Amino acid sequence: MRLSVLIPVYNRRAQLAQCLEALARQTLPREEFEVIVCDDGSDDQPETLAADFASALDLKFVRRPHANRAAALNGGFEAARGSTATSTAATPGRRRRCSATWTGIRG
């Protein structure tokens, strides 16, 4: 496992779904990266998205009681198996920039 992609979320289920869709389209082979959703105690049940992306992504959900983004990311880092870890927000604007970086890791 080369890369762990951490996505901290708190009540952003719709944005998370868009982010997961973008990650599912990555050209990096599935076996080379994992996606860890770092849930900061959301009320909108983001873990219910797991079934929608199970065939496309090596996807894991780590849920913590609501505290803050850093605490959620810490939970994700603890669960990460990749030799490199990165994080992205579940917002559309940042995904395009990160996608180019992730596909560039193949070299």
N, C-alpha and C. Protein backbone atom coordinates (compact mmCIF):
# COMPACT_ATOMS: atom_id res chain seq x y z
N MET A 1 0.86 -1.18 0.00
CA MET A 1 0.00 0.00 0.00
C MET A 1 0.90 1.23 0.00
N ARG A 2 0.78 2.03 -1.06
CA ARG A 2 1.65 3.19 -1.19
C ARG A 2 1.07 4.46 -0.59
N LEU A 3 -0.25 4.63 -0.67
CA LEU A 3 -0.83 5.92 -0.32
C LEU A 3 -2.11 5.75 0.49
N SER A 4 -2.22 6.52 1.55
CA SER A 4 -3.46 6.62 2.33
C SER A 4 -4.00 8.03 2.14
N VAL A 5 -5.23 8.13 1.66
CA VAL A 5 -5.88 9.42 1.45
C VAL A 5 -6.90 9.60 2.56
N LEU A 6 -6.71 10.60 3.40
CA LEU A 6 -7.59 10.86 4.54
C LEU A 6 -8.55 12.00 4.20
N ILE A 7 -9.83 11.77 4.48
CA ILE A 7 -10.85 12.80 4.22
C ILE A 7 -11.57 13.08 5.53
N PRO A 8 -11.25 14.18 6.20
CA PRO A 8 -11.98 14.53 7.43
C PRO A 8 -13.35 15.12 7.06
N VAL A 9 -14.40 14.64 7.75
CA VAL A 9 -15.74 15.14 7.46
C VAL A 9 -16.52 15.36 8.75
N TYR A 10 -17.41 16.34 8.67
CA TYR A 10 -18.40 16.56 9.73
C TYR A 10 -19.64 17.11 9.04
N ASN A 11 -20.66 16.27 8.96
CA ASN A 11 -21.95 16.63 8.35
C ASN A 11 -21.80 17.20 6.94
N ARG A 12 -21.04 16.50 6.10
CA ARG A 12 -20.84 16.89 4.70
C ARG A 12 -21.03 15.67 3.80
N ARG A 13 -22.10 14.92 4.02
CA ARG A 13 -22.32 13.67 3.29
C ARG A 13 -22.38 13.88 1.78
N ALA A 14 -23.09 14.89 1.32
CA ALA A 14 -23.20 15.14 -0.13
C ALA A 14 -21.83 15.47 -0.74
N GLN A 15 -21.07 16.32 -0.08
CA GLN A 15 -19.74 16.67 -0.57
C GLN A 15 -18.81 15.47 -0.52
N LEU A 16 -18.95 14.65 0.51
CA LEU A 16 -18.13 13.45 0.62
C LEU A 16 -18.42 12.50 -0.54
N ALA A 17 -19.68 12.35 -0.90
CA ALA A 17 -20.03 11.48 -2.03
C ALA A 17 -19.36 11.96 -3.31
N GLN A 18 -19.33 13.27 -3.54
CA GLN A 18 -18.68 13.82 -4.73
C GLN A 18 -17.17 13.55 -4.68
N CYS A 19 -16.59 13.71 -3.54
CA CYS A 19 -15.15 13.47 -3.38
C CYS A 19 -14.82 12.00 -3.64
N LEU A 20 -15.62 11.10 -3.10
CA LEU A 20 -15.41 9.67 -3.31
C LEU A 20 -15.58 9.29 -4.78
N GLU A 21 -16.53 9.92 -5.45
CA GLU A 21 -16.71 9.69 -6.89
C GLU A 21 -15.44 10.08 -7.65
N ALA A 22 -14.86 11.21 -7.29
CA ALA A 22 -13.63 11.66 -7.96
C ALA A 22 -12.47 10.69 -7.67
N LEU A 23 -12.37 10.24 -6.45
CA LEU A 23 -11.30 9.30 -6.11
C LEU A 23 -11.49 7.96 -6.81
N ALA A 24 -12.72 7.56 -7.00
CA ALA A 24 -13.00 6.30 -7.70
C ALA A 24 -12.56 6.35 -9.16
N ARG A 25 -12.41 7.55 -9.71
CA ARG A 25 -11.98 7.71 -11.11
C ARG A 25 -10.46 7.88 -11.25
N GLN A 26 -9.73 7.78 -10.17
CA GLN A 26 -8.28 7.95 -10.24
C GLN A 26 -7.65 6.87 -11.11
N THR A 27 -6.55 7.21 -11.72
CA THR A 27 -5.84 6.25 -12.56
C THR A 27 -4.85 5.40 -11.76
N LEU A 28 -4.56 5.79 -10.56
CA LEU A 28 -3.71 4.99 -9.69
C LEU A 28 -4.46 3.69 -9.38
N PRO A 29 -3.84 2.53 -9.56
CA PRO A 29 -4.54 1.27 -9.30
C PRO A 29 -5.08 1.19 -7.88
N ARG A 30 -6.25 0.60 -7.75
CA ARG A 30 -6.93 0.51 -6.46
C ARG A 30 -6.05 -0.09 -5.37
N GLU A 31 -5.24 -1.08 -5.71
CA GLU A 31 -4.43 -1.75 -4.70
C GLU A 31 -3.27 -0.89 -4.20
N GLU A 32 -3.03 0.26 -4.83
CA GLU A 32 -1.93 1.12 -4.40
C GLU A 32 -2.36 2.24 -3.47
N PHE A 33 -3.68 2.44 -3.30
CA PHE A 33 -4.11 3.48 -2.37
C PHE A 33 -5.38 3.08 -1.64
N GLU A 34 -5.50 3.61 -0.45
CA GLU A 34 -6.70 3.42 0.36
C GLU A 34 -7.29 4.79 0.66
N VAL A 35 -8.58 4.81 0.92
CA VAL A 35 -9.27 6.04 1.28
C VAL A 35 -9.84 5.84 2.68
N ILE A 36 -9.53 6.76 3.56
CA ILE A 36 -10.03 6.69 4.93
C ILE A 36 -10.86 7.94 5.20
N VAL A 37 -12.14 7.72 5.45
CA VAL A 37 -13.02 8.82 5.83
C VAL A 37 -12.91 8.98 7.34
N CYS A 38 -12.47 10.16 7.77
CA CYS A 38 -12.26 10.46 9.18
C CYS A 38 -13.45 11.26 9.69
N ASP A 39 -14.44 10.56 10.22
CA ASP A 39 -15.70 11.19 10.61
C ASP A 39 -15.61 11.77 12.02
N ASP A 40 -15.87 13.06 12.11
CA ASP A 40 -15.81 13.79 13.38
C ASP A 40 -17.19 13.81 14.06
N GLY A 41 -17.83 12.63 14.14
CA GLY A 41 -19.11 12.53 14.85
C GLY A 41 -20.28 13.12 14.08
N SER A 42 -20.31 12.93 12.78
CA SER A 42 -21.39 13.47 11.93
C SER A 42 -22.75 12.90 12.32
N ASP A 43 -23.79 13.71 12.08
CA ASP A 43 -25.17 13.28 12.28
C ASP A 43 -25.78 12.72 11.00
N ASP A 44 -25.12 12.93 9.86
CA ASP A 44 -25.72 12.55 8.56
C ASP A 44 -25.27 11.18 8.05
N GLN A 45 -24.67 10.38 8.89
CA GLN A 45 -24.31 8.99 8.62
C GLN A 45 -23.50 8.79 7.33
N PRO A 46 -22.32 9.36 7.24
CA PRO A 46 -21.52 9.20 6.02
C PRO A 46 -21.11 7.76 5.75
N GLU A 47 -21.08 6.93 6.78
CA GLU A 47 -20.68 5.53 6.58
C GLU A 47 -21.65 4.75 5.69
N THR A 48 -22.86 5.27 5.50
CA THR A 48 -23.81 4.59 4.61
C THR A 48 -23.38 4.67 3.15
N LEU A 49 -22.40 5.50 2.84
CA LEU A 49 -21.86 5.59 1.47
C LEU A 49 -20.93 4.42 1.15
N ALA A 50 -20.51 3.68 2.14
CA ALA A 50 -19.52 2.62 1.93
C ALA A 50 -19.96 1.62 0.87
N ALA A 51 -21.19 1.20 0.91
CA ALA A 51 -21.67 0.20 -0.06
C ALA A 51 -21.61 0.73 -1.48
N ASP A 52 -21.84 2.03 -1.67
CA ASP A 52 -21.82 2.63 -3.00
C ASP A 52 -20.43 2.61 -3.64
N PHE A 53 -19.39 2.60 -2.83
CA PHE A 53 -18.02 2.71 -3.35
C PHE A 53 -17.16 1.48 -3.04
N ALA A 54 -17.73 0.45 -2.47
CA ALA A 54 -16.96 -0.73 -2.06
C ALA A 54 -16.25 -1.41 -3.22
N SER A 55 -16.85 -1.41 -4.39
CA SER A 55 -16.20 -2.09 -5.52
C SER A 55 -15.13 -1.23 -6.19
N ALA A 56 -15.19 0.07 -5.99
CA ALA A 56 -14.26 0.98 -6.67
C ALA A 56 -13.09 1.41 -5.80
N LEU A 57 -13.26 1.41 -4.48
CA LEU A 57 -12.23 1.95 -3.58
C LEU A 57 -11.95 1.00 -2.43
N ASP A 58 -10.72 1.03 -1.97
CA ASP A 58 -10.36 0.39 -0.70
C ASP A 58 -10.72 1.44 0.35
N LEU A 59 -11.93 1.35 0.88
CA LEU A 59 -12.52 2.41 1.68
C LEU A 59 -12.74 1.97 3.12
N LYS A 60 -12.36 2.86 4.03
CA LYS A 60 -12.52 2.60 5.46
C LYS A 60 -13.10 3.85 6.11
N PHE A 61 -13.97 3.66 7.08
CA PHE A 61 -14.53 4.77 7.85
C PHE A 61 -14.03 4.68 9.29
N VAL A 62 -13.50 5.79 9.79
CA VAL A 62 -13.05 5.87 11.18
C VAL A 62 -13.89 6.97 11.83
N ARG A 63 -14.68 6.58 12.82
CA ARG A 63 -15.59 7.54 13.45
C ARG A 63 -15.11 7.84 14.87
N ARG A 64 -15.10 9.12 15.19
CA ARG A 64 -14.76 9.58 16.53
C ARG A 64 -15.89 10.47 17.04
N PRO A 65 -16.04 10.59 18.35
CA PRO A 65 -17.02 11.56 18.87
C PRO A 65 -16.63 12.96 18.41
N HIS A 66 -17.61 13.81 18.19
CA HIS A 66 -17.34 15.15 17.67
C HIS A 66 -16.37 15.90 18.58
N ALA A 67 -15.28 16.35 18.00
CA ALA A 67 -14.28 17.15 18.71
C ALA A 67 -13.79 18.26 17.78
N ASN A 68 -13.00 17.88 16.77
CA ASN A 68 -12.49 18.84 15.79
C ASN A 68 -11.83 18.07 14.64
N ARG A 69 -11.45 18.81 13.61
CA ARG A 69 -10.86 18.22 12.42
C ARG A 69 -9.56 17.47 12.73
N ALA A 70 -8.73 18.05 13.59
CA ALA A 70 -7.45 17.43 13.93
C ALA A 70 -7.66 16.09 14.62
N ALA A 71 -8.61 16.01 15.53
CA ALA A 71 -8.88 14.74 16.22
C ALA A 71 -9.36 13.68 15.23
N ALA A 72 -10.21 14.10 14.29
CA ALA A 72 -10.70 13.16 13.27
C ALA A 72 -9.54 12.66 12.41
N LEU A 73 -8.66 13.57 11.99
CA LEU A 73 -7.51 13.17 11.20
C LEU A 73 -6.57 12.24 11.97
N ASN A 74 -6.39 12.48 13.25
CA ASN A 74 -5.56 11.60 14.06
C ASN A 74 -6.08 10.17 14.03
N GLY A 75 -7.40 10.02 14.09
CA GLY A 75 -7.99 8.68 13.98
C GLY A 75 -7.68 8.05 12.65
N GLY A 76 -7.71 8.84 11.59
CA GLY A 76 -7.37 8.34 10.26
C GLY A 76 -5.92 7.95 10.14
N PHE A 77 -5.03 8.77 10.69
CA PHE A 77 -3.59 8.44 10.65
C PHE A 77 -3.31 7.13 11.40
N GLU A 78 -4.00 6.91 12.50
CA GLU A 78 -3.81 5.67 13.26
C GLU A 78 -4.22 4.45 12.45
N ALA A 79 -5.23 4.60 11.59
CA ALA A 79 -5.74 3.48 10.79
C ALA A 79 -5.02 3.32 9.46
N ALA A 80 -4.23 4.30 9.07
CA ALA A 80 -3.59 4.30 7.75
C ALA A 80 -2.56 3.18 7.60
N ARG A 81 -2.55 2.56 6.41
CA ARG A 81 -1.59 1.50 6.11
C ARG A 81 -0.57 1.92 5.06
N GLY A 82 -0.80 3.06 4.41
CA GLY A 82 0.09 3.50 3.34
C GLY A 82 1.43 3.99 3.84
N SER A 83 2.44 3.89 2.98
CA SER A 83 3.75 4.41 3.34
C SER A 83 3.76 5.93 3.28
N THR A 84 2.80 6.51 2.57
CA THR A 84 2.62 7.95 2.49
C THR A 84 1.16 8.26 2.79
N ALA A 85 0.92 9.31 3.55
CA ALA A 85 -0.45 9.71 3.86
C ALA A 85 -0.64 11.16 3.44
N THR A 86 -1.82 11.44 2.92
CA THR A 86 -2.20 12.80 2.55
C THR A 86 -3.64 13.00 2.95
N SER A 87 -4.06 14.25 3.04
CA SER A 87 -5.46 14.52 3.36
C SER A 87 -6.01 15.51 2.35
N THR A 88 -7.31 15.45 2.20
CA THR A 88 -8.01 16.38 1.33
C THR A 88 -9.34 16.71 1.98
N ALA A 89 -9.88 17.84 1.63
CA ALA A 89 -11.21 18.21 2.13
C ALA A 89 -12.26 17.60 1.21
N ALA A 90 -13.44 17.41 1.73
CA ALA A 90 -14.53 16.85 0.94
C ALA A 90 -15.25 17.95 0.16
N THR A 91 -14.52 18.98 -0.21
CA THR A 91 -15.12 20.09 -0.96
C THR A 91 -14.61 20.07 -2.39
N PRO A 92 -15.45 20.40 -3.37
CA PRO A 92 -15.08 20.28 -4.78
C PRO A 92 -13.86 21.06 -5.22
N GLY A 93 -13.62 22.24 -4.72
CA GLY A 93 -12.54 23.08 -5.21
C GLY A 93 -11.16 22.49 -5.05
N ARG A 94 -10.92 21.77 -3.99
CA ARG A 94 -9.59 21.23 -3.72
C ARG A 94 -9.32 19.92 -4.45
N ARG A 95 -10.32 19.17 -4.80
CA ARG A 95 -10.13 17.85 -5.39
C ARG A 95 -9.35 17.88 -6.69
N ARG A 96 -9.59 18.84 -7.55
CA ARG A 96 -8.91 18.87 -8.84
C ARG A 96 -7.40 18.98 -8.67
N ARG A 97 -6.97 19.87 -7.77
CA ARG A 97 -5.53 20.02 -7.54
C ARG A 97 -4.93 18.74 -6.97
N CYS A 98 -5.59 18.11 -6.02
CA CYS A 98 -5.06 16.91 -5.40
C CYS A 98 -5.04 15.75 -6.38
N SER A 99 -6.03 15.64 -7.23
CA SER A 99 -6.10 14.52 -8.17
C SER A 99 -4.86 14.46 -9.03
N ALA A 100 -4.39 15.58 -9.51
CA ALA A 100 -3.20 15.60 -10.38
C ALA A 100 -1.99 15.14 -9.57
N THR A 101 -1.90 15.52 -8.33
CA THR A 101 -0.78 15.11 -7.49
C THR A 101 -0.82 13.61 -7.24
N TRP A 102 -1.98 13.07 -6.95
CA TRP A 102 -2.08 11.65 -6.65
C TRP A 102 -1.74 10.80 -7.85
N THR A 103 -2.20 11.18 -9.03
CA THR A 103 -1.89 10.37 -10.20
C THR A 103 -0.41 10.50 -10.54
N GLY A 104 0.22 11.59 -10.14
CA GLY A 104 1.65 11.79 -10.40
C GLY A 104 2.53 10.93 -9.51
N ILE A 105 1.98 10.27 -8.51
CA ILE A 105 2.78 9.47 -7.60
C ILE A 105 3.26 8.17 -8.24
N ARG A 106 2.69 7.80 -9.36
CA ARG A 106 3.02 6.53 -9.99
C ARG A 106 4.51 6.38 -10.29
N GLY A 107 5.17 7.46 -10.67
CA GLY A 107 6.54 7.42 -11.09
C GLY A 107 7.48 6.75 -10.20
